[in-house]
């Protein structure tokens, strides 16, 4: 045992002497030193980046929930990169600078202000944007990148961006801008409010809607997909998409009927989007009936809970205006009502009601002033389907003629239609914060719908 120990110590001493004889001017045991290896890799990476005749194209989303934008990059050997994108309709396109650096990993850094920086600055980086990427893999046909600072703390995973060789035609976004309005839920809808996504020849279906928009707090380009789950509830998914010249694509393959579906093309004649991915036909089209009726029961005053909602058609709440239909906004304007609240489970004395009730508070013109008038209603529900408001008494009991009851009646006739409303949950980004809210869709006429903010 002792002899073995002496032999071990001897070998360690020999290894120490051998290593100590190596310096920066001599050859490493296992090839080039790290700095030399980095310079070789850097040279190869730059050669590949500038070697693409028409540059590179990738589809970038700053997180798993919002935004899918085509970004084009054309690199040169002087450290410049020309960038173009359909983000904000190209308003931030420019030539910026780049460098390949070595930290813990080899990184591609976009230095001066450009498209990626603009996305990064949204909501003080509230969307988890990035302009420093770790280089994962480089081939002649693809460059795989991942965020250098996004560690997926919220469970969404690290942001990745794959660049592929672009064509000259990719730099022209005009066809994409023509495709974009076709994704709007109201495009050639002919009064049909909903869209359904289904697999032809099966009973598998989900509801599909598209969210588009930009403001100081959010970058939106995603689909909302709702489907019934095995527990009898509804699963709601925000699925980022990118718009293509022929339709749209999911940034990550979406599983439906056990198959991965990615690319959809618009059929002008049939006015729907169709995918042949996975050997099946998957269609997204308008429908007269909601494929997944969803109504959030407890959150709106049920079980003795107080809840207040606001409809305010103003610049402070642009998404309320955007998600309310043209027909509703037209009738609302005729009503002369400035805004209205719906307070759930509040009785005439402002206390919690024993059974579900609501007050519809209308802000009406009175000479040069505007005054609130309250209309007390009972609330009726069809579970997981609809909600109805019924005035306790008559409108004249609450609004005198001097308060332009004839105009307010136009709005109250909508709010108290005996067929009631379907209700969907939504969110409203504002310059202050993002509010939860609800979209009310008239059962009698789905073209009449309005959105509220939960206060």
Protein backbone atom coordinates (compact mmCIF):
# COMPACT_ATOMS: atom_id res chain seq x y z
CA UNK A 1 0.00 0.00 0.00
CA UNK A 2 2.88 2.30 0.93
CA UNK A 3 4.70 1.50 -2.34
CA UNK A 4 1.53 2.36 -4.29
CA UNK A 5 1.27 5.68 -2.47
CA UNK A 6 4.89 6.52 -3.33
CA UNK A 7 4.28 5.72 -6.97
CA UNK A 8 1.17 7.99 -6.99
CA UNK A 9 3.05 10.91 -5.43
CA UNK A 10 5.83 10.43 -7.97
CA UNK A 11 3.46 10.61 -10.89
CA UNK A 12 1.77 13.74 -9.51
CA UNK A 13 5.13 15.43 -9.03
CA UNK A 14 6.14 14.58 -12.61
CA UNK A 15 2.86 15.99 -13.95
CA UNK A 16 3.33 19.20 -11.93
CA UNK A 17 6.84 19.70 -13.29
CA UNK A 18 5.63 19.07 -16.85
CA UNK A 19 2.76 21.57 -16.61
CA UNK A 20 4.89 24.20 -14.88
CA UNK A 21 7.27 24.17 -17.84
CA UNK A 22 4.51 25.37 -20.22
CA UNK A 23 4.13 29.13 -20.72
CA UNK A 24 2.12 31.36 -23.05
CA UNK A 25 4.85 31.22 -25.67
CA UNK A 26 4.85 27.42 -25.87
CA UNK A 27 2.37 24.96 -27.38
CA UNK A 28 -0.55 23.76 -25.19
CA UNK A 29 -0.90 20.06 -24.41
CA UNK A 30 -4.32 19.95 -26.11
CA UNK A 31 -3.83 22.39 -28.97
CA UNK A 32 -4.31 26.17 -29.17
CA UNK A 33 -4.85 28.28 -26.05
CA UNK A 34 -8.41 29.61 -25.50
CA UNK A 35 -7.70 33.04 -27.00
CA UNK A 36 -6.34 31.52 -30.20
CA UNK A 37 -9.28 29.15 -30.46
CA UNK A 38 -11.71 32.06 -29.94
CA UNK A 39 -10.07 34.13 -32.69
CA UNK A 40 -10.32 31.19 -35.08
CA UNK A 41 -14.02 30.68 -34.25
CA UNK A 42 -14.68 34.40 -34.50
CA UNK A 43 -13.09 34.49 -37.95
CA UNK A 44 -15.18 31.54 -39.09
CA UNK A 45 -18.38 33.04 -37.68
CA UNK A 46 -17.80 36.41 -39.34
CA UNK A 47 -16.97 34.67 -42.63
CA UNK A 48 -20.27 32.76 -42.44
CA UNK A 49 -22.33 35.81 -41.44
CA UNK A 50 -21.05 38.01 -44.27
CA UNK A 51 -21.11 35.12 -46.74
CA UNK A 52 -24.90 35.10 -47.15
CA UNK A 53 -25.55 37.07 -50.34
CA UNK A 54 -28.98 38.32 -49.23
CA UNK A 55 -28.34 38.21 -45.51
CA UNK A 56 -30.27 36.23 -42.92
CA UNK A 57 -33.89 36.07 -41.79
CA UNK A 58 -35.28 35.02 -38.41
CA UNK A 59 -38.60 35.26 -36.59
CA UNK A 60 -38.17 36.92 -33.22
CA UNK A 61 -40.48 36.92 -30.19
CA UNK A 62 -39.16 38.49 -26.96
CA UNK A 63 -41.09 35.97 -24.86
CA UNK A 64 -43.43 33.01 -25.20
CA UNK A 65 -46.60 35.11 -25.02
CA UNK A 66 -46.36 38.06 -27.42
CA UNK A 67 -44.79 39.25 -30.62
CA UNK A 68 -43.57 37.39 -33.68
CA UNK A 69 -41.64 39.55 -36.12
CA UNK A 70 -39.54 38.82 -39.20
CA UNK A 71 -36.08 40.38 -38.79
CA UNK A 72 -33.60 40.53 -41.66
CA UNK A 73 -29.86 41.05 -41.12
CA UNK A 74 -27.09 41.63 -43.65
CA UNK A 75 -23.60 41.68 -42.10
CA UNK A 76 -20.37 43.13 -43.49
CA UNK A 77 -16.74 42.61 -42.46
CA UNK A 78 -16.43 46.18 -41.10
CA UNK A 79 -18.80 45.38 -38.23
CA UNK A 80 -22.01 46.81 -39.68
CA UNK A 81 -25.34 45.03 -40.02
CA UNK A 82 -28.26 46.29 -42.09
CA UNK A 83 -31.53 45.38 -40.38
CA UNK A 84 -35.14 45.41 -41.57
CA UNK A 85 -38.35 44.07 -40.05
CA UNK A 86 -42.13 44.12 -40.22
CA UNK A 87 -42.04 45.27 -36.58
CA UNK A 88 -43.83 48.62 -36.39
CA UNK A 89 -44.07 48.55 -40.21
CA UNK A 90 -40.35 49.12 -40.60
CA UNK A 91 -40.23 52.37 -38.64
CA UNK A 92 -37.09 51.23 -36.79
CA UNK A 93 -35.18 49.77 -39.76
CA UNK A 94 -31.58 50.98 -39.90
CA UNK A 95 -27.91 49.96 -40.07
CA UNK A 96 -26.38 49.21 -36.70
CA UNK A 97 -23.05 47.75 -35.54
CA UNK A 98 -22.23 44.31 -34.23
CA UNK A 99 -19.35 42.44 -32.65
CA UNK A 100 -18.55 38.88 -31.68
CA UNK A 101 -17.35 38.79 -28.08
CA UNK A 102 -16.25 36.20 -25.53
CA UNK A 103 -17.72 36.14 -22.02
CA UNK A 104 -18.75 32.84 -20.45
CA UNK A 105 -19.91 31.93 -23.95
CA UNK A 106 -19.21 33.35 -27.39
CA UNK A 107 -21.73 36.11 -28.05
CA UNK A 108 -23.17 38.07 -30.95
CA UNK A 109 -23.74 41.62 -29.69
CA UNK A 110 -25.81 44.21 -31.54
CA UNK A 111 -24.21 47.42 -30.32
CA UNK A 112 -25.89 50.61 -31.55
CA UNK A 113 -29.61 51.31 -31.37
CA UNK A 114 -31.82 49.34 -33.76
CA UNK A 115 -34.90 47.15 -34.00
CA UNK A 116 -33.90 44.78 -31.19
CA UNK A 117 -33.08 47.70 -28.89
CA UNK A 118 -36.47 49.26 -29.63
CA UNK A 119 -38.24 46.04 -28.66
CA UNK A 120 -36.00 45.75 -25.58
CA UNK A 121 -37.01 49.23 -24.40
CA UNK A 122 -40.74 48.51 -24.55
CA UNK A 123 -42.27 48.95 -21.08
CA UNK A 124 -38.74 49.33 -19.62
CA UNK A 125 -37.91 45.85 -20.87
CA UNK A 126 -41.16 44.52 -19.55
CA UNK A 127 -41.38 42.24 -22.61
CA UNK A 128 -37.97 40.60 -21.93
CA UNK A 129 -36.35 41.76 -25.16
CA UNK A 130 -32.72 41.06 -26.04
CA UNK A 131 -29.84 42.39 -28.16
CA UNK A 132 -27.02 40.19 -26.78
CA UNK A 133 -27.15 36.54 -27.86
CA UNK A 134 -25.07 33.47 -27.11
CA UNK A 135 -24.03 31.70 -30.31
CA UNK A 136 -25.14 28.07 -30.02
CA UNK A 137 -24.35 26.76 -33.47
CA UNK A 138 -23.24 28.08 -36.86
CA UNK A 139 -23.47 26.30 -40.20
CA UNK A 140 -23.48 27.56 -43.76
CA UNK A 141 -27.30 27.49 -43.74
CA UNK A 142 -28.32 28.43 -40.18
CA UNK A 143 -27.19 30.42 -37.13
CA UNK A 144 -28.74 29.39 -33.80
CA UNK A 145 -28.81 32.03 -31.05
CA UNK A 146 -30.20 32.23 -27.53
CA UNK A 147 -30.67 35.16 -25.15
CA UNK A 148 -27.61 35.93 -23.02
CA UNK A 149 -29.64 37.46 -20.17
CA UNK A 150 -32.99 35.66 -20.28
CA UNK A 151 -32.80 32.65 -17.98
CA UNK A 152 -36.44 31.63 -18.20
CA UNK A 153 -37.21 32.47 -14.57
CA UNK A 154 -40.95 32.71 -15.28
CA UNK A 155 -41.01 29.23 -16.76
CA UNK A 156 -41.30 30.46 -20.33
CA UNK A 157 -37.86 29.22 -21.33
CA UNK A 158 -34.87 31.03 -22.76
CA UNK A 159 -35.60 33.13 -25.85
CA UNK A 160 -34.07 31.63 -28.97
CA UNK A 161 -33.60 33.05 -32.46
CA UNK A 162 -32.69 30.96 -35.50
CA UNK A 163 -31.39 32.78 -38.57
CA UNK A 164 -31.61 31.20 -42.00
CA UNK A 165 -30.36 32.46 -45.34
CA UNK A 166 -32.70 35.07 -46.78
CA UNK A 167 -33.71 35.67 -50.37
CA UNK A 168 -33.81 39.02 -52.12
CA UNK A 169 -37.62 38.86 -52.03
CA UNK A 170 -37.63 38.51 -48.22
CA UNK A 171 -36.58 42.17 -47.94
CA UNK A 172 -39.90 43.30 -49.43
CA UNK A 173 -42.63 43.39 -46.76
CA UNK A 174 -45.46 44.75 -48.91
CA UNK A 175 -47.18 41.35 -49.23
CA UNK A 176 -46.94 40.86 -45.46
CA UNK A 177 -48.64 44.22 -44.91
CA UNK A 178 -51.41 43.10 -47.27
CA UNK A 179 -51.83 39.83 -45.38
CA UNK A 180 -51.95 41.46 -41.92
CA UNK A 181 -55.53 42.85 -42.08
CA UNK A 182 -56.82 39.45 -43.24
CA UNK A 183 -55.96 38.08 -39.80
CA UNK A 184 -58.23 40.58 -38.04
CA UNK A 185 -61.22 38.88 -36.43
CA UNK A 186 -63.57 41.19 -38.34
CA UNK A 187 -62.07 40.67 -41.83
CA UNK A 188 -64.93 39.73 -44.20
CA UNK A 189 -66.72 38.34 -41.16
CA UNK A 190 -70.19 39.36 -42.36
CA UNK A 191 -71.38 39.79 -38.79
CA UNK A 192 -69.80 36.55 -37.55
CA UNK A 193 -67.82 37.40 -34.44
CA UNK A 194 -65.98 34.14 -33.76
CA UNK A 195 -63.31 32.11 -35.48
CA UNK A 196 -62.91 28.39 -35.05
CA UNK A 197 -59.85 26.22 -35.65
CA UNK A 198 -60.74 22.63 -36.49
CA UNK A 199 -59.33 19.51 -38.11
CA UNK A 200 -61.32 18.46 -41.15
CA UNK A 201 -63.00 15.06 -40.77
CA UNK A 202 -62.84 15.15 -36.95
CA UNK A 203 -64.79 16.69 -34.07
CA UNK A 204 -61.66 18.44 -32.77
CA UNK A 205 -62.09 22.21 -32.60
CA UNK A 206 -60.99 25.29 -30.67
CA UNK A 207 -61.75 28.99 -30.78
CA UNK A 208 -59.15 31.20 -32.44
CA UNK A 209 -58.72 34.97 -32.32
CA UNK A 210 -55.89 37.25 -33.34
CA UNK A 211 -54.42 40.12 -31.31
CA UNK A 212 -52.42 42.84 -33.06
CA UNK A 213 -51.17 46.16 -31.74
CA UNK A 214 -48.34 48.26 -30.37
CA UNK A 215 -48.16 50.69 -27.48
CA UNK A 216 -45.73 51.76 -24.76
CA UNK A 217 -46.64 48.80 -22.56
CA UNK A 218 -47.05 45.84 -24.87
CA UNK A 219 -46.07 44.29 -28.18
CA UNK A 220 -48.89 42.15 -29.47
CA UNK A 221 -48.87 39.65 -32.27
CA UNK A 222 -50.36 36.42 -31.11
CA UNK A 223 -53.36 34.19 -31.34
CA UNK A 224 -55.61 33.29 -28.42
CA UNK A 225 -56.63 29.64 -28.65
CA UNK A 226 -59.32 28.32 -26.30
CA UNK A 227 -60.37 24.71 -26.03
CA UNK A 228 -62.36 22.55 -23.64
CA UNK A 229 -60.26 20.42 -21.32
CA UNK A 230 -60.92 17.04 -19.70
CA UNK A 231 -61.99 18.68 -16.42
CA UNK A 232 -64.90 20.44 -18.12
CA UNK A 233 -63.19 23.83 -18.08
CA UNK A 234 -61.49 25.90 -20.74
CA UNK A 235 -57.77 26.02 -21.48
CA UNK A 236 -56.63 29.41 -22.78
CA UNK A 237 -53.31 29.73 -24.62
CA UNK A 238 -51.48 32.77 -26.00
CA UNK A 239 -49.61 31.46 -29.04
CA UNK A 240 -47.16 33.84 -30.79
CA UNK A 241 -47.37 33.95 -34.56
CA UNK A 242 -45.51 35.55 -37.43
CA UNK A 243 -47.24 36.92 -40.51
CA UNK A 244 -46.08 35.55 -43.84
CA UNK A 245 -46.72 36.65 -47.40
CA UNK A 246 -49.28 33.89 -47.84
CA UNK A 247 -50.78 33.72 -44.36
CA UNK A 248 -49.29 33.12 -40.93
CA UNK A 249 -47.15 30.65 -39.01
CA UNK A 250 -46.92 29.61 -35.38
CA UNK A 251 -43.44 30.41 -34.07
CA UNK A 252 -43.41 26.99 -32.45
CA UNK A 253 -45.35 24.02 -33.87
CA UNK A 254 -48.83 23.78 -32.31
CA UNK A 255 -50.20 20.35 -31.41
CA UNK A 256 -53.74 19.62 -32.61
CA UNK A 257 -55.16 16.14 -33.15
CA UNK A 258 -51.75 14.80 -32.08
CA UNK A 259 -50.00 16.46 -35.05
CA UNK A 260 -47.66 19.44 -35.24
CA UNK A 261 -49.13 22.33 -37.21
CA UNK A 262 -47.14 25.44 -38.16
CA UNK A 263 -47.92 27.08 -41.51
CA UNK A 264 -51.29 28.43 -42.70
CA UNK A 265 -52.12 29.96 -46.07
CA UNK A 266 -55.06 32.25 -46.78
CA UNK A 267 -57.67 31.04 -49.25
CA UNK A 268 -59.16 34.17 -50.81
CA UNK A 269 -62.17 32.40 -52.32
CA UNK A 270 -63.23 30.60 -49.15
CA UNK A 271 -62.01 33.35 -46.77
CA UNK A 272 -60.19 31.01 -44.42
CA UNK A 273 -56.68 29.96 -43.46
CA UNK A 274 -55.71 26.36 -44.15
CA UNK A 275 -52.75 24.15 -43.19
CA UNK A 276 -51.76 20.78 -44.62
CA UNK A 277 -49.09 20.14 -41.96
CA UNK A 278 -48.97 16.72 -40.35
CA UNK A 279 -50.87 15.14 -43.23
CA UNK A 280 -54.18 16.63 -42.08
CA UNK A 281 -56.27 19.64 -43.09
CA UNK A 282 -56.52 22.23 -40.33
CA UNK A 283 -58.77 25.23 -41.00
CA UNK A 284 -59.24 28.60 -39.27
CA UNK A 285 -62.47 30.34 -40.32
CA UNK A 286 -65.27 32.59 -39.09
CA UNK A 287 -68.32 31.05 -37.48
CA UNK A 288 -71.72 32.24 -36.26
CA UNK A 289 -71.50 30.34 -32.99
CA UNK A 290 -68.72 30.42 -30.41
CA UNK A 291 -66.97 27.01 -30.57
CA UNK A 292 -65.93 27.33 -26.92
CA UNK A 293 -68.41 29.40 -24.90
CA UNK A 294 -66.64 30.61 -21.79
CA UNK A 295 -68.10 32.60 -18.95
CA UNK A 296 -66.09 33.50 -15.80
CA UNK A 297 -68.73 32.93 -13.15
CA UNK A 298 -67.29 33.91 -9.76
CA UNK A 299 -65.16 36.87 -10.78
CA UNK A 300 -68.19 39.02 -11.62
CA UNK A 301 -70.07 39.34 -8.37
CA UNK A 302 -71.39 35.85 -7.81
CA UNK A 303 -71.31 34.35 -4.28
CA UNK A 304 -71.57 37.74 -2.60
CA UNK A 305 -68.41 39.14 -4.16
CA UNK A 306 -68.31 42.80 -5.15
CA UNK A 307 -67.02 43.61 -8.63
CA UNK A 308 -66.98 46.85 -10.59
CA UNK A 309 -66.40 47.28 -14.31
CA UNK A 310 -65.92 50.39 -16.41
CA UNK A 311 -66.68 51.17 -20.02
CA UNK A 312 -64.79 54.35 -20.90
CA UNK A 313 -64.33 55.21 -24.55
CA UNK A 314 -61.19 57.34 -24.23
CA UNK A 315 -57.54 57.67 -25.21
CA UNK A 316 -56.51 56.31 -21.80
CA UNK A 317 -58.14 52.98 -22.57
CA UNK A 318 -57.51 52.44 -26.30
CA UNK A 319 -58.03 48.68 -26.18
CA UNK A 320 -61.56 49.14 -24.78
CA UNK A 321 -62.38 51.11 -27.89
CA UNK A 322 -60.54 48.69 -30.17
CA UNK A 323 -62.28 45.57 -28.82
CA UNK A 324 -65.76 47.11 -28.93
CA UNK A 325 -67.61 46.66 -32.20
CA UNK A 326 -68.47 49.41 -34.66
CA UNK A 327 -72.19 48.85 -34.20
CA UNK A 328 -71.97 49.16 -30.41
CA UNK A 329 -69.82 52.31 -30.62
CA UNK A 330 -72.35 53.84 -33.01
CA UNK A 331 -75.26 53.23 -30.61
CA UNK A 332 -73.14 54.33 -27.65
CA UNK A 333 -72.38 57.64 -29.36
CA UNK A 334 -76.09 58.22 -30.03
CA UNK A 335 -76.89 57.60 -26.35
CA UNK A 336 -74.93 60.71 -25.26
CA UNK A 337 -73.58 58.66 -22.33
CA UNK A 338 -70.05 59.73 -21.31
CA UNK A 339 -69.17 56.41 -19.62
CA UNK A 340 -70.85 53.72 -17.58
CA UNK A 341 -70.03 51.36 -14.72
CA UNK A 342 -71.52 47.99 -13.88
CA UNK A 343 -71.33 47.32 -10.14
CA UNK A 344 -72.16 43.71 -9.28
CA UNK A 345 -73.81 42.53 -6.05
CA UNK A 346 -74.67 46.03 -4.89
CA UNK A 347 -78.16 46.87 -3.70
CA UNK A 348 -79.87 50.24 -3.57
CA UNK A 349 -78.09 51.17 -0.33
CA UNK A 350 -74.66 50.35 -1.70
CA UNK A 351 -74.41 47.18 0.39
CA UNK A 352 -73.74 43.62 -0.76
CA UNK A 353 -76.96 42.16 -2.04
CA UNK A 354 -78.28 38.87 -0.68
CA UNK A 355 -78.75 37.59 -4.20
CA UNK A 356 -76.88 38.67 -7.28
CA UNK A 357 -77.79 42.15 -8.40
CA UNK A 358 -76.09 44.94 -10.33
CA UNK A 359 -76.19 48.69 -10.74
CA UNK A 360 -75.61 50.19 -14.17
CA UNK A 361 -74.29 53.71 -13.51
CA UNK A 362 -74.67 56.04 -16.51
CA UNK A 363 -72.85 59.38 -16.70
CA UNK A 364 -75.33 61.62 -18.51
CA UNK A 365 -75.29 65.26 -19.67
CA UNK A 366 -77.29 67.70 -17.52
CA UNK A 367 -76.93 71.16 -18.98
CA UNK A 368 -73.25 72.01 -18.84
CA UNK A 369 -72.55 69.28 -16.33
CA UNK A 370 -72.52 65.50 -16.39
CA UNK A 371 -74.24 63.58 -13.64
CA UNK A 372 -74.39 59.87 -12.77
CA UNK A 373 -77.74 58.13 -12.73
CA UNK A 374 -78.02 54.59 -11.35
CA UNK A 375 -80.25 51.89 -12.79
CA UNK A 376 -80.82 48.87 -10.52
CA UNK A 377 -80.96 45.44 -12.13
CA UNK A 378 -81.32 41.81 -11.25
CA UNK A 379 -78.71 39.46 -12.68
CA UNK A 380 -79.61 36.14 -14.28
CA UNK A 381 -77.11 33.54 -15.49
CA UNK A 382 -77.12 30.45 -17.60
CA UNK A 383 -74.08 28.68 -16.21
CA UNK A 384 -71.09 28.67 -18.58
CA UNK A 385 -73.26 30.31 -21.24
CA UNK A 386 -74.78 33.77 -20.78
CA UNK A 387 -75.58 36.60 -18.40
CA UNK A 388 -78.67 38.84 -18.45
CA UNK A 389 -79.55 42.16 -16.80
CA UNK A 390 -83.19 43.02 -16.04
CA UNK A 391 -84.22 46.48 -14.81
CA UNK A 392 -86.00 46.49 -11.45
CA UNK A 393 -89.00 48.58 -12.41
CA UNK A 394 -88.80 50.88 -15.43
CA UNK A 395 -86.12 53.18 -16.82
CA UNK A 396 -88.24 56.27 -16.07
CA UNK A 397 -87.97 55.39 -12.36
CA UNK A 398 -84.25 56.15 -12.52
CA UNK A 399 -83.70 58.69 -15.31
CA UNK A 400 -85.92 61.81 -15.61
CA UNK A 401 -86.74 63.11 -19.07
CA UNK A 402 -84.52 66.14 -18.41
CA UNK A 403 -81.53 63.79 -18.41
CA UNK A 404 -82.19 62.79 -22.00
CA UNK A 405 -83.79 59.47 -21.16
CA UNK A 406 -84.71 59.03 -24.81
CA UNK A 407 -81.01 58.81 -25.71
CA UNK A 408 -79.95 56.69 -22.72
CA UNK A 409 -82.70 54.24 -23.61
CA UNK A 410 -80.82 53.28 -26.79
CA UNK A 411 -77.92 52.06 -24.68
CA UNK A 412 -80.07 50.48 -21.95
CA UNK A 413 -82.02 48.52 -24.57
CA UNK A 414 -78.72 46.92 -25.57
CA UNK A 415 -77.56 46.27 -22.00
CA UNK A 416 -80.88 44.77 -20.91
CA UNK A 417 -81.71 42.76 -24.03
CA UNK A 418 -83.61 39.69 -22.71
CA UNK A 419 -81.31 37.28 -24.59
CA UNK A 420 -78.31 38.58 -22.64
CA UNK A 421 -74.60 38.32 -23.38
CA UNK A 422 -71.83 35.85 -23.86
CA UNK A 423 -68.79 36.96 -21.85
CA UNK A 424 -65.10 36.44 -22.54
CA UNK A 425 -62.17 37.38 -20.33
CA UNK A 426 -59.56 39.72 -21.79
CA UNK A 427 -56.74 42.11 -20.82
CA UNK A 428 -56.37 45.84 -21.44
CA UNK A 429 -52.86 47.32 -21.61
CA UNK A 430 -52.85 51.06 -20.78
CA UNK A 431 -50.14 53.69 -20.20
CA UNK A 432 -50.57 52.99 -16.48
CA UNK A 433 -50.82 49.22 -16.19
CA UNK A 434 -52.53 46.18 -17.67
CA UNK A 435 -56.10 45.68 -16.46
CA UNK A 436 -58.21 42.54 -16.47
CA UNK A 437 -61.48 42.91 -18.29
CA UNK A 438 -64.44 41.30 -20.05
CA UNK A 439 -65.91 41.42 -23.53
CA UNK A 440 -69.71 41.30 -23.62
CA UNK A 441 -71.11 39.82 -26.84
CA UNK A 442 -74.82 40.21 -27.54
CA UNK A 443 -76.58 36.87 -27.99
CA UNK A 444 -79.24 38.55 -30.12
CA UNK A 445 -76.64 40.16 -32.41
CA UNK A 446 -72.93 39.24 -31.94
CA UNK A 447 -72.04 42.30 -34.05
CA UNK A 448 -72.94 44.27 -30.91
CA UNK A 449 -70.19 43.82 -28.33
CA UNK A 450 -68.35 45.99 -25.85
CA UNK A 451 -65.42 45.60 -23.51
CA UNK A 452 -65.04 46.66 -19.87
CA UNK A 453 -62.13 47.14 -17.50
CA UNK A 454 -62.30 45.48 -14.09
CA UNK A 455 -61.48 48.12 -11.49
